Protein backbone atom coordinates (compact mmCIF):
# COMPACT_ATOMS: atom_id res chain seq x y z
CA MET A 1 -38.61 -24.57 -96.31
CA ASN A 2 -35.25 -23.68 -94.67
CA ILE A 3 -34.45 -24.37 -91.04
CA TYR A 4 -35.08 -20.76 -89.98
CA THR A 5 -38.52 -20.74 -91.52
CA LEU A 6 -39.37 -24.05 -89.86
CA LEU A 7 -38.03 -23.04 -86.43
CA THR A 8 -39.75 -19.66 -86.60
CA PHE A 9 -43.03 -21.34 -87.53
CA LEU A 10 -42.79 -23.85 -84.68
CA PHE A 11 -41.69 -21.18 -82.21
CA PHE A 12 -44.61 -18.86 -82.88
CA VAL A 13 -47.22 -21.59 -83.27
CA ALA A 14 -46.28 -23.30 -79.99
CA THR A 15 -46.03 -19.97 -78.14
CA ALA A 16 -49.38 -18.81 -79.57
CA VAL A 17 -51.05 -22.07 -78.51
CA GLY A 18 -49.75 -21.55 -74.98
CA LEU A 19 -50.90 -17.92 -74.91
CA TRP A 20 -54.37 -18.98 -76.14
CA ALA A 21 -54.76 -21.12 -73.01
CA ILE A 22 -53.22 -18.42 -70.79
CA PHE A 23 -55.66 -15.81 -72.12
CA GLU A 24 -58.54 -18.13 -71.26
CA LYS A 25 -57.21 -18.76 -67.75
CA SER A 26 -57.00 -15.00 -67.21
CA GLY A 27 -60.64 -14.44 -68.24
CA TYR A 28 -60.27 -13.44 -71.89
CA LYS A 29 -61.21 -15.24 -75.08
CA GLY A 30 -58.46 -17.50 -76.39
CA TRP A 31 -58.83 -16.29 -79.97
CA MET A 32 -57.72 -12.82 -78.87
CA SER A 33 -54.18 -14.16 -78.55
CA ILE A 34 -53.83 -14.66 -82.31
CA VAL A 35 -55.28 -11.34 -83.52
CA PRO A 36 -52.31 -9.20 -84.64
CA PHE A 37 -51.77 -5.98 -82.62
CA TYR A 38 -54.94 -6.53 -80.59
CA ASN A 39 -53.31 -9.49 -78.84
CA PHE A 40 -50.58 -7.27 -77.35
CA TYR A 41 -53.19 -4.84 -76.04
CA ILE A 42 -54.96 -7.68 -74.21
CA TRP A 43 -51.62 -9.10 -73.05
CA LEU A 44 -50.75 -5.75 -71.42
CA ARG A 45 -54.12 -5.78 -69.67
CA ILE A 46 -53.53 -9.31 -68.37
CA ILE A 47 -50.20 -8.40 -66.81
CA LYS A 48 -51.55 -4.97 -65.70
CA LYS A 49 -48.86 -2.90 -67.36
CA PRO A 50 -49.40 0.65 -68.70
CA LEU A 51 -50.65 0.88 -72.26
CA TRP A 52 -47.81 3.25 -73.24
CA TRP A 53 -45.66 0.10 -73.36
CA TYR A 54 -47.44 -0.54 -76.66
CA ILE A 55 -45.37 2.22 -78.28
CA PHE A 56 -42.20 0.18 -77.81
CA LEU A 57 -43.90 -2.90 -79.23
CA LEU A 58 -44.07 -1.06 -82.56
CA ILE A 59 -40.34 -0.32 -82.73
CA PRO A 60 -38.41 -3.06 -84.56
CA PHE A 61 -35.99 -5.06 -82.37
CA ILE A 62 -36.79 -2.92 -79.30
CA ASN A 63 -40.06 -4.86 -79.31
CA ILE A 64 -38.10 -8.09 -78.80
CA PHE A 65 -36.84 -6.80 -75.47
CA VAL A 66 -40.32 -5.63 -74.42
CA ILE A 67 -41.84 -9.02 -75.28
CA LEU A 68 -39.22 -10.70 -73.10
CA LEU A 69 -40.30 -8.49 -70.21
CA MET A 70 -43.94 -9.38 -70.89
CA LEU A 71 -43.07 -13.08 -70.78
CA VAL A 72 -41.47 -12.55 -67.36
CA GLU A 73 -44.67 -10.83 -66.17
CA ILE A 74 -46.75 -13.77 -67.43
CA CYS A 75 -44.56 -16.07 -65.35
CA LYS A 76 -45.24 -13.90 -62.29
CA CYS A 77 -48.97 -14.17 -62.96
CA PHE A 78 -48.55 -17.90 -62.38
CA LYS A 79 -46.55 -17.35 -59.17
CA LYS A 80 -43.22 -18.08 -60.82
CA TYR A 81 -41.00 -15.68 -58.93
CA GLY A 82 -37.79 -17.66 -59.14
CA LEU A 83 -35.04 -16.66 -61.55
CA GLY A 84 -34.90 -20.16 -63.07
CA ALA A 85 -38.58 -20.32 -63.95
CA GLN A 86 -38.52 -16.84 -65.45
CA ALA A 87 -35.45 -17.75 -67.49
CA LEU A 88 -37.32 -20.78 -68.86
CA GLY A 89 -40.22 -18.53 -69.83
CA VAL A 90 -37.91 -16.14 -71.68
CA LEU A 91 -35.62 -18.69 -73.35
CA PHE A 92 -38.17 -21.39 -74.13
CA PRO A 93 -41.60 -19.71 -74.39
CA PHE A 94 -42.67 -22.27 -77.01
CA VAL A 95 -42.45 -24.90 -74.24
CA TYR A 96 -43.12 -22.99 -71.05
CA MET A 97 -46.14 -20.98 -72.20
CA PRO A 98 -48.08 -24.11 -73.25
CA TYR A 99 -47.13 -25.67 -69.91
CA LEU A 100 -48.53 -22.71 -67.94
CA GLY A 101 -51.61 -22.57 -70.13
CA PHE A 102 -52.60 -26.26 -70.14
CA SER A 103 -51.29 -27.55 -66.81
CA LYS A 104 -54.12 -28.00 -64.30
CA LYS A 105 -51.67 -27.35 -61.49
CA GLU A 106 -50.90 -23.82 -62.73
CA THR A 107 -53.52 -21.16 -61.95
CA TYR A 108 -53.62 -17.52 -62.96
CA LEU A 109 -53.22 -14.87 -60.25
CA ASP A 110 -54.26 -11.29 -60.95
CA PRO A 111 -51.21 -9.00 -60.59
CA ASP A 112 -53.17 -6.74 -58.22
CA LYS A 113 -53.60 -9.68 -55.83
CA ARG A 114 -50.01 -10.77 -56.04
CA PRO A 115 -48.09 -10.68 -52.76
CA VAL A 116 -45.19 -8.27 -52.43
CA ILE A 117 -41.97 -10.18 -52.97
CA ASN A 118 -39.07 -8.88 -50.91
CA LYS A 119 -35.90 -9.57 -52.83
CA THR A 120 -32.51 -9.85 -51.21
CA VAL A 121 -29.78 -7.43 -52.21
CA VAL A 122 -28.03 -10.23 -54.09
CA ARG A 123 -31.22 -11.05 -56.03
CA GLU A 124 -31.74 -7.38 -56.86
CA TRP A 125 -28.22 -7.15 -58.25
CA VAL A 126 -28.52 -10.42 -60.17
CA ASP A 127 -31.80 -9.30 -61.74
CA ALA A 128 -30.31 -5.92 -62.66
CA ILE A 129 -27.21 -7.48 -64.22
CA ILE A 130 -29.18 -10.04 -66.21
CA PHE A 131 -31.56 -7.32 -67.38
CA ALA A 132 -28.66 -5.12 -68.49
CA VAL A 133 -26.83 -7.97 -70.25
CA ILE A 134 -29.94 -9.09 -72.14
CA ALA A 135 -30.84 -5.53 -73.13
CA ALA A 136 -27.32 -4.67 -74.26
CA SER A 137 -26.95 -7.98 -76.14
CA ILE A 138 -30.18 -7.42 -78.07
CA ILE A 139 -29.08 -3.90 -78.99
CA ARG A 140 -25.62 -5.13 -79.99
CA ILE A 141 -26.85 -8.06 -82.07
CA PHE A 142 -29.86 -6.49 -83.75
CA LEU A 143 -29.54 -2.70 -83.67
CA ILE A 144 -26.18 -0.99 -83.33
CA GLU A 145 -22.67 -1.80 -82.19
CA ALA A 146 -19.65 0.29 -81.26
CA TYR A 147 -16.35 -0.20 -83.09
CA THR A 148 -12.87 1.30 -82.96
CA ILE A 149 -10.68 1.99 -86.00
CA PRO A 150 -7.39 0.12 -85.39
CA THR A 151 -5.55 0.77 -88.69
CA SER A 152 -5.05 3.54 -91.22
CA SER A 153 -6.66 1.76 -94.18
CA MET A 154 -9.55 4.27 -94.32
CA GLU A 155 -7.61 7.48 -93.66
CA LYS A 156 -8.46 10.29 -93.99
CA THR A 157 -12.13 9.36 -94.03
CA LEU A 158 -11.75 7.44 -90.77
CA LEU A 159 -8.76 7.83 -88.48
CA VAL A 160 -6.91 5.45 -86.22
CA GLY A 161 -8.54 5.98 -82.83
CA ASP A 162 -11.99 6.86 -84.17
CA TYR A 163 -14.84 5.38 -82.16
CA LEU A 164 -17.92 4.84 -84.29
CA PHE A 165 -21.34 3.28 -84.31
CA VAL A 166 -22.19 0.64 -86.89
CA SER A 167 -25.85 0.16 -87.74
CA LYS A 168 -27.04 -3.44 -88.02
CA ILE A 169 -30.55 -2.47 -89.09
CA ASN A 170 -29.62 -0.58 -92.27
CA TYR A 171 -28.82 -3.77 -94.20
CA GLY A 172 -30.72 -6.04 -91.81
CA PRO A 173 -29.18 -7.78 -88.77
CA ARG A 174 -27.85 -11.32 -89.13
CA ALA A 175 -28.90 -14.15 -86.88
CA PRO A 176 -25.69 -15.17 -85.08
CA ASN A 177 -23.97 -18.32 -86.36
CA THR A 178 -22.81 -19.05 -82.81
CA PRO A 179 -25.73 -18.04 -80.54
CA ILE A 180 -24.06 -19.27 -77.35
CA SER A 181 -21.10 -17.06 -76.55
CA PHE A 182 -19.63 -14.90 -73.81
CA PRO A 183 -21.42 -11.51 -73.90
CA PHE A 184 -19.70 -8.42 -75.32
CA VAL A 185 -16.67 -10.39 -76.52
CA HIS A 186 -15.89 -11.12 -80.16
CA HIS A 187 -13.93 -14.36 -80.53
CA THR A 188 -11.47 -14.72 -77.63
CA LEU A 189 -12.10 -14.63 -73.89
CA PRO A 190 -10.65 -11.63 -72.03
CA MET A 191 -7.13 -12.02 -70.64
CA THR A 192 -6.47 -15.05 -72.83
CA GLU A 193 -4.75 -15.43 -76.19
CA SER A 194 -6.60 -18.33 -77.74
CA ILE A 195 -9.53 -19.52 -75.58
CA LYS A 196 -12.71 -19.27 -77.63
CA SER A 197 -15.48 -17.03 -76.35
CA TYR A 198 -18.12 -19.18 -78.04
CA VAL A 199 -19.18 -22.80 -78.42
CA GLU A 200 -19.89 -24.48 -81.73
CA TRP A 201 -22.04 -27.41 -80.69
CA ILE A 202 -25.00 -25.19 -81.58
CA THR A 203 -24.50 -23.37 -84.88
CA LEU A 204 -27.10 -21.74 -87.08
CA PRO A 205 -27.01 -21.23 -90.86
CA TYR A 206 -26.92 -17.79 -92.42
CA TYR A 207 -30.08 -15.74 -92.15
CA ARG A 208 -30.52 -11.97 -92.46
CA PHE A 209 -33.58 -10.14 -91.20
CA PRO A 210 -35.08 -7.45 -93.46
CA GLY A 211 -33.25 -4.13 -93.40
CA PHE A 212 -34.03 -0.56 -94.37
CA GLN A 213 -31.82 -0.47 -97.45
CA LYS A 214 -29.52 -2.38 -99.76
CA ILE A 215 -25.77 -1.81 -99.85
CA LYS A 216 -24.96 1.04 -102.23
CA ASN A 217 -21.79 1.94 -104.08
CA MET A 218 -19.47 3.95 -101.80
CA ASP A 219 -21.13 2.91 -98.54
CA VAL A 220 -18.63 2.42 -95.70
CA VAL A 221 -19.26 -1.15 -94.58
CA VAL A 222 -18.13 -3.34 -91.68
CA PHE A 223 -17.77 -7.01 -92.56
CA ASN A 224 -16.11 -10.20 -91.35
CA TYR A 225 -12.68 -10.84 -92.85
CA PRO A 226 -13.27 -13.24 -95.80
CA ASP A 227 -9.82 -14.82 -95.43
CA GLY A 228 -10.35 -15.31 -91.69
CA ASP A 229 -11.95 -18.76 -91.80
CA THR A 230 -8.52 -20.25 -91.09
CA LEU A 231 -5.74 -18.38 -89.33
CA SER A 232 -2.49 -18.49 -87.43
CA THR A 233 -2.87 -17.58 -83.75
CA LYS A 234 0.46 -15.75 -83.88
CA TRP A 235 -0.30 -13.68 -86.99
CA GLN A 236 -4.09 -13.38 -86.63
CA SER A 237 -5.42 -11.10 -89.40
CA ASN A 238 -2.11 -9.26 -89.86
CA ALA A 239 -1.28 -11.89 -92.48
CA SER A 240 -3.92 -14.33 -93.63
CA TYR A 241 -3.31 -18.06 -93.34
CA TYR A 242 -3.53 -18.35 -97.13
CA GLN A 243 -0.94 -15.62 -97.59
CA LEU A 244 1.40 -17.41 -95.17
CA VAL A 245 0.94 -20.70 -97.06
CA ARG A 246 1.76 -19.01 -100.38
CA GLN A 247 4.86 -17.45 -98.85
CA PHE A 248 6.22 -20.24 -96.63
CA GLY A 249 4.47 -23.41 -97.81
CA ARG A 250 1.76 -25.41 -96.06
CA ASP A 251 4.10 -27.79 -94.23
CA ALA A 252 6.08 -24.95 -92.68
CA VAL A 253 2.93 -23.14 -91.50
CA TRP A 254 1.44 -26.25 -89.90
CA ASN A 255 4.64 -27.61 -88.37
CA ASN A 256 6.34 -24.50 -86.97
CA SER A 257 4.15 -23.55 -84.01
CA SER A 258 6.84 -21.38 -82.43
CA TYR A 259 6.62 -18.98 -85.40
CA PHE A 260 3.05 -19.41 -86.59
CA GLY A 261 1.28 -20.61 -83.45
CA ASP A 262 -1.69 -22.91 -83.78
CA ILE A 263 -3.75 -23.05 -86.97
CA ILE A 264 -7.42 -22.63 -86.08
CA ALA A 265 -10.76 -22.12 -87.82
CA ARG A 266 -13.49 -19.59 -87.00
CA PRO A 267 -17.16 -19.38 -87.98
CA VAL A 268 -18.25 -16.41 -90.08
CA ASP A 269 -19.59 -14.24 -87.24
CA LYS A 270 -16.42 -14.69 -85.17
CA ARG A 271 -13.94 -13.65 -87.86
CA GLU A 272 -12.16 -10.32 -87.52
CA ASN A 273 -14.18 -7.21 -88.35
CA PHE A 274 -12.86 -5.10 -91.23
CA ILE A 275 -14.13 -1.73 -92.41
CA LYS A 276 -13.80 -0.59 -96.04
CA ARG A 277 -15.72 1.25 -98.72
CA CYS A 278 -17.95 -0.79 -101.01
CA ILE A 279 -16.60 -0.11 -104.48
CA GLY A 280 -18.40 -2.86 -106.39
CA LEU A 281 -21.90 -4.29 -106.08
CA PRO A 282 -23.01 -7.70 -107.41
CA GLY A 283 -22.68 -7.68 -111.18
CA ASP A 284 -20.39 -4.62 -111.34
CA VAL A 285 -17.24 -4.66 -113.46
CA ILE A 286 -14.25 -3.25 -111.58
CA GLN A 287 -11.00 -2.12 -113.18
CA ILE A 288 -8.02 -0.14 -111.92
CA VAL A 289 -5.77 1.64 -114.42
CA ASP A 290 -2.85 3.64 -113.02
CA ARG A 291 -4.64 4.00 -109.65
CA LYS A 292 -7.92 5.19 -111.18
CA VAL A 293 -10.83 2.90 -110.31
CA THR A 294 -13.64 2.50 -112.81
CA ILE A 295 -17.02 0.89 -112.09
CA ASN A 296 -18.81 -0.33 -115.19
CA GLY A 297 -16.56 1.92 -117.27
CA LYS A 298 -17.09 5.08 -115.20
CA GLU A 299 -14.54 6.51 -112.79
CA GLU A 300 -15.56 6.12 -109.16
CA ASN A 301 -17.17 9.08 -107.39
CA ASN A 302 -15.73 8.59 -103.91
CA PRO A 303 -17.24 10.87 -101.23
CA GLY A 304 -14.34 10.13 -98.87
CA LYS A 305 -10.76 11.39 -98.77
CA ARG A 306 -8.61 9.04 -100.79
CA GLN A 307 -4.87 8.84 -100.19
CA PHE A 308 -2.01 7.62 -102.38
CA LYS A 309 1.75 7.40 -102.07
CA TYR A 310 3.89 10.06 -103.73
CA LEU A 311 7.62 10.63 -104.13
CA VAL A 312 8.33 14.16 -102.88
CA TYR A 313 11.63 15.69 -104.03
CA THR A 314 13.02 18.60 -102.03
CA ASP A 315 16.07 20.85 -102.31
CA GLY A 316 17.80 18.53 -99.86
CA SER A 317 16.17 19.86 -96.71
CA SER A 318 13.56 17.99 -94.70
CA ILE A 319 9.93 19.03 -94.32
CA ASN A 320 9.03 20.61 -91.00
CA GLN A 321 6.95 18.26 -88.84
CA ARG A 322 4.67 21.10 -87.74
CA ASN A 323 3.80 21.81 -91.35
CA LEU A 324 3.05 18.13 -91.89
CA ASP A 325 0.78 18.15 -88.83
CA LYS A 326 -1.09 21.19 -90.17
CA LEU A 327 -1.80 19.29 -93.38
CA ASP A 328 -2.79 16.20 -91.40
CA ILE A 329 -0.02 14.16 -93.04
CA THR A 330 0.75 11.12 -90.91
CA GLU A 331 2.53 8.65 -93.20
CA VAL A 332 6.06 9.72 -94.11
CA VAL A 333 8.75 7.18 -94.96
CA THR A 334 12.46 7.77 -94.26
CA PRO A 335 14.07 9.41 -97.31
CA ARG A 336 15.09 7.05 -100.08
CA GLU A 337 17.73 9.62 -100.98
CA ASN A 338 18.77 12.86 -99.36
CA ASN A 339 16.17 14.77 -101.31
CA CYS A 340 13.38 12.20 -101.81
CA PHE A 341 10.60 11.32 -99.37
CA GLU A 342 7.80 8.78 -99.75
CA ILE A 343 4.68 10.49 -98.39
CA THR A 344 1.04 9.39 -98.38
CA LEU A 345 -1.15 12.32 -99.41
CA SER A 346 -4.79 13.19 -99.88
CA GLU A 347 -5.69 15.44 -102.81
CA SER A 348 -5.91 18.54 -100.62
CA ALA A 349 -2.58 17.80 -98.89
CA LEU A 350 -0.98 17.20 -102.29
CA GLU A 351 -2.00 20.63 -103.57
CA SER A 352 -0.81 22.33 -100.36
CA LEU A 353 2.54 20.53 -100.34
CA LYS A 354 3.24 21.67 -103.88
CA GLN A 355 3.38 25.23 -102.57
CA PHE A 356 6.23 24.56 -100.13
CA SER A 357 9.34 26.50 -101.13
CA ASN A 358 11.70 23.56 -100.56
CA VAL A 359 9.56 21.08 -102.59
CA LYS A 360 10.90 20.79 -106.12
CA SER A 361 8.58 18.15 -107.56
CA ILE A 362 6.04 15.50 -106.57
CA GLU A 363 5.54 12.30 -108.54
CA PRO A 364 2.80 9.70 -108.03
CA GLU A 365 4.14 6.29 -107.06
CA ILE A 366 2.40 3.87 -109.40
CA HIS A 367 3.04 0.19 -109.90
CA PRO A 368 3.27 -0.15 -113.70
CA ALA A 369 0.83 -2.26 -115.68
CA GLY A 370 2.10 -5.81 -116.23
CA SER A 371 4.16 -5.78 -113.02
CA TRP A 372 2.78 -8.84 -111.23
CA ASP A 373 2.38 -8.88 -107.46
CA PRO A 374 1.89 -12.52 -106.31
CA ASP A 375 0.02 -11.32 -103.20
CA ILE A 376 -2.69 -9.75 -105.36
CA PHE A 377 -5.92 -11.65 -106.08
CA PRO A 378 -6.33 -14.06 -107.86
CA PHE A 379 -2.67 -15.01 -107.11
CA ASP A 380 -2.13 -16.38 -110.63
CA SER A 381 0.67 -15.19 -112.92
CA THR A 382 -1.74 -15.42 -115.85
CA TYR A 383 -3.31 -12.24 -114.47
CA ARG A 384 -0.35 -9.91 -114.04
CA TRP A 385 -2.05 -7.43 -111.75
CA ASN A 386 -0.98 -5.18 -108.89
CA VAL A 387 -2.58 -2.62 -106.56
CA ASP A 388 -2.55 0.14 -109.20
CA ASN A 389 -3.36 -1.84 -112.33
CA PHE A 390 -5.97 -4.51 -111.79
CA GLY A 391 -8.81 -6.16 -113.67
CA PRO A 392 -11.26 -5.93 -115.24
CA ILE A 393 -13.10 -8.25 -112.90
CA THR A 394 -16.85 -8.90 -112.52
CA VAL A 395 -18.31 -9.10 -109.02
CA PRO A 396 -20.36 -12.32 -108.69
CA LYS A 397 -24.13 -11.95 -108.43
CA GLN A 398 -26.65 -14.38 -106.98
CA GLY A 399 -28.31 -16.50 -109.67
CA VAL A 400 -25.78 -15.63 -112.38
CA THR A 401 -24.09 -18.56 -114.11
CA VAL A 402 -20.47 -18.33 -115.25
CA ASN A 403 -18.29 -20.68 -117.25
CA ILE A 404 -15.50 -22.23 -115.20
CA ASN A 405 -12.29 -23.75 -116.51
CA SER A 406 -8.67 -24.23 -115.50
CA SER A 407 -7.75 -20.68 -116.53
CA ASN A 408 -10.40 -18.80 -114.53
CA ILE A 409 -11.09 -21.13 -111.59
CA CYS A 410 -8.62 -19.05 -109.55
CA PHE A 411 -11.34 -16.39 -109.25
CA TYR A 412 -13.96 -18.80 -107.94
CA ARG A 413 -12.14 -21.41 -105.80
CA ARG A 414 -13.07 -19.90 -102.46
CA ILE A 415 -16.59 -19.03 -103.58
CA ILE A 416 -17.37 -22.57 -104.70
CA GLY A 417 -15.39 -24.52 -102.12
CA VAL A 418 -15.57 -22.33 -98.98
CA PHE A 419 -18.20 -19.59 -99.07
CA GLU A 420 -20.90 -21.73 -100.71
CA GLY A 421 -19.95 -25.04 -99.14
CA ASN A 422 -19.32 -27.27 -102.13
CA LYS A 423 -16.67 -29.93 -102.60
CA LEU A 424 -14.34 -28.59 -105.29
CA GLU A 425 -11.74 -30.78 -107.01
CA GLU A 426 -9.38 -30.07 -109.90
CA LYS A 427 -7.97 -33.03 -111.83
CA ASP A 428 -6.02 -32.95 -115.09
CA GLY A 429 -7.40 -29.57 -116.09
CA ARG A 430 -10.96 -30.63 -115.32
CA ILE A 431 -13.16 -29.23 -112.53
CA PHE A 432 -15.46 -31.30 -110.35
CA VAL A 433 -18.12 -29.76 -108.09
CA ASN A 434 -19.58 -32.19 -105.56
CA GLY A 435 -18.12 -35.08 -107.53
CA LYS A 436 -19.59 -34.03 -110.88
CA GLU A 437 -17.52 -32.60 -113.70
CA SER A 438 -18.63 -29.00 -114.24
CA THR A 439 -18.02 -26.37 -116.90
CA SER A 440 -20.29 -23.77 -115.32
CA TYR A 441 -21.35 -22.59 -111.88
CA THR A 442 -24.35 -20.59 -110.59
CA PHE A 443 -23.70 -18.32 -107.62
CA LYS A 444 -25.85 -18.87 -104.50
CA MET A 445 -25.02 -15.54 -102.89
CA ASN A 446 -24.29 -11.93 -103.77
CA TYR A 447 -20.72 -10.65 -103.40
CA TYR A 448 -19.11 -7.25 -102.97
CA TRP A 449 -15.81 -5.54 -103.76
CA MET A 450 -14.33 -3.57 -100.85
CA MET A 451 -11.42 -1.11 -100.88
CA GLY A 452 -9.87 1.22 -98.33
CA ASP A 453 -9.61 4.96 -98.98
CA ASN A 454 -5.91 4.82 -98.09
CA ARG A 455 -5.26 3.02 -101.34
CA HIS A 456 -1.59 2.16 -100.86
CA ASN A 457 -1.98 1.03 -97.26
CA SER A 458 -5.11 -1.09 -97.26
CA ALA A 459 -5.51 -4.86 -97.17
CA ASP A 460 -8.72 -5.10 -99.15
CA SER A 461 -10.39 -6.99 -102.01
CA ARG A 462 -7.29 -6.54 -104.14
CA TYR A 463 -5.56 -8.90 -101.70
CA TRP A 464 -8.29 -11.41 -100.88
CA GLY A 465 -11.06 -11.04 -103.41
CA PHE A 466 -14.80 -10.91 -102.97
CA VAL A 467 -16.81 -10.35 -99.77
CA PRO A 468 -19.83 -12.70 -99.49
CA GLU A 469 -23.15 -11.24 -98.36
CA ASP A 470 -23.21 -13.46 -95.27
CA HIS A 471 -20.03 -11.68 -94.07
CA ILE A 472 -21.69 -8.24 -94.07
CA VAL A 473 -22.06 -6.88 -90.51
CA GLY A 474 -23.47 -3.39 -90.95
CA LYS A 475 -23.08 0.19 -92.13
CA ALA A 476 -20.71 2.67 -90.46
CA VAL A 477 -22.84 5.69 -89.68
CA PHE A 478 -21.47 7.96 -86.95
CA VAL A 479 -18.17 8.82 -85.22
CA TRP A 480 -18.78 9.88 -81.63
CA LEU A 481 -15.19 10.09 -80.36
CA SER A 482 -11.78 10.48 -81.96
CA MET A 483 -8.51 10.02 -80.03
CA ASP A 484 -4.98 10.27 -81.40
CA PRO A 485 -3.10 7.18 -80.16
CA ASN A 486 0.24 8.97 -80.54
CA LYS A 487 -0.56 11.87 -78.23
CA SER A 488 -1.10 12.28 -74.50
CA LEU A 489 -4.32 13.45 -72.88
CA PHE A 490 -2.93 16.95 -72.33
CA ASP A 491 -1.26 17.20 -75.74
CA GLY A 492 -4.25 17.08 -78.07
CA LYS A 493 -5.16 13.41 -77.69
CA ILE A 494 -8.85 14.13 -78.23
CA ARG A 495 -9.46 15.38 -81.76
CA PHE A 496 -12.27 17.79 -80.93
CA SER A 497 -12.72 18.82 -84.59
CA LYS A 498 -13.37 15.18 -85.49
CA LEU A 499 -16.09 14.46 -82.91
CA PHE A 500 -19.74 13.77 -83.79
CA ARG A 501 -19.39 13.40 -87.53
CA ILE A 502 -21.38 11.43 -90.06
CA VAL A 503 -19.42 8.76 -91.96
CA LYS A 504 -19.42 9.51 -95.69
């Protein structure tokens, strides 16, 4: 029995015991409090609230908010009108409900006989603010959250300046690792650079509530940055701590605070949020050959708008900016030569650009096979991979056992030692897991392979490897606003043609 199961059991048992006694004090049979569905009907009668409230009790996660309101009304039935007492009832019902039910000093008062409580203006505002914060927090944690696209890694599927909703309930919401934190803030307090918005003296292990679906190939997914467990406060997620160590050396990163800032750690739910397309599911075999991605031997069927870099040769003249805007081309690099431009193009833009009279030829820019990029996962020269020629690689799957040795441990170091919390040691070509020499390892979690649609401008799994299931935040579902950060309000800042669109 894990800690969540135990805590959930104790929470509901203690609360139910308290409600049994409260039902009896209010004139009903105690056993009615433990009859599923019927107990809420009686509860609504006790607090004298309309029965249409029951509709909201049937809606997942909305019902949490309604139950909190019902707990407040129970407190009022025992003449607990103060904000502190009501907060105790909401936050600690497994303690406060038994107290109200079994204490001889606490007597039930019918809501119709309750005196009218005249609240001060300050109390009215405090109640309204607390109500709004609790309601919004429940929605944000368990239902849906708003995000903004900050980079071009998903263009042209998602644009810089897109405002979208991410569903937590599709894959199931996670219980927060850091339940005590400043509301509506991710990891840093407003108007500060490094003050944490959360406390870690209460942390909870990973748990995901049931969702409506499993992650599918080609879903657009928001997740916590897997390399974000340790980071430089100066570089943040622009360059991972591990990338900086590979480039500059550990001593330099830790001892040069003027350049790197402080080196800090973050829990999973407070790491930066990334958004990419899920290319590989647990157990899938991923390979990239000359930019073409195959999944289990079949070329990907991407519903988005992929982009790649091309070398565009002209007759020596430049390409008119208005024509580029019409084709929605936003990434153009200064000419390498007088007649050569590096331009990032979608398939449709590529075909249109070929028709330009001053364009002589267009060549794909492909990193050749065997050309090793040391910043590409698994960062081992044995595997001479790059962004365009990579793999094959198998995405780890929960329960699957793999052989591990000195030649392939580079794929699994972070999985074994960081994501799954083991002590990993490598000595003289031998591998020790939790002090025991090991030649195999069984995965505890599922993992995913994420890639951006802007394939040559995306920091994704090619650069940091697998995404653990406990890092998954939710599914990107709907863009409600799109604003061009490079334009003014009266010069087409709002992209009206991009509003209210489903993410595919």
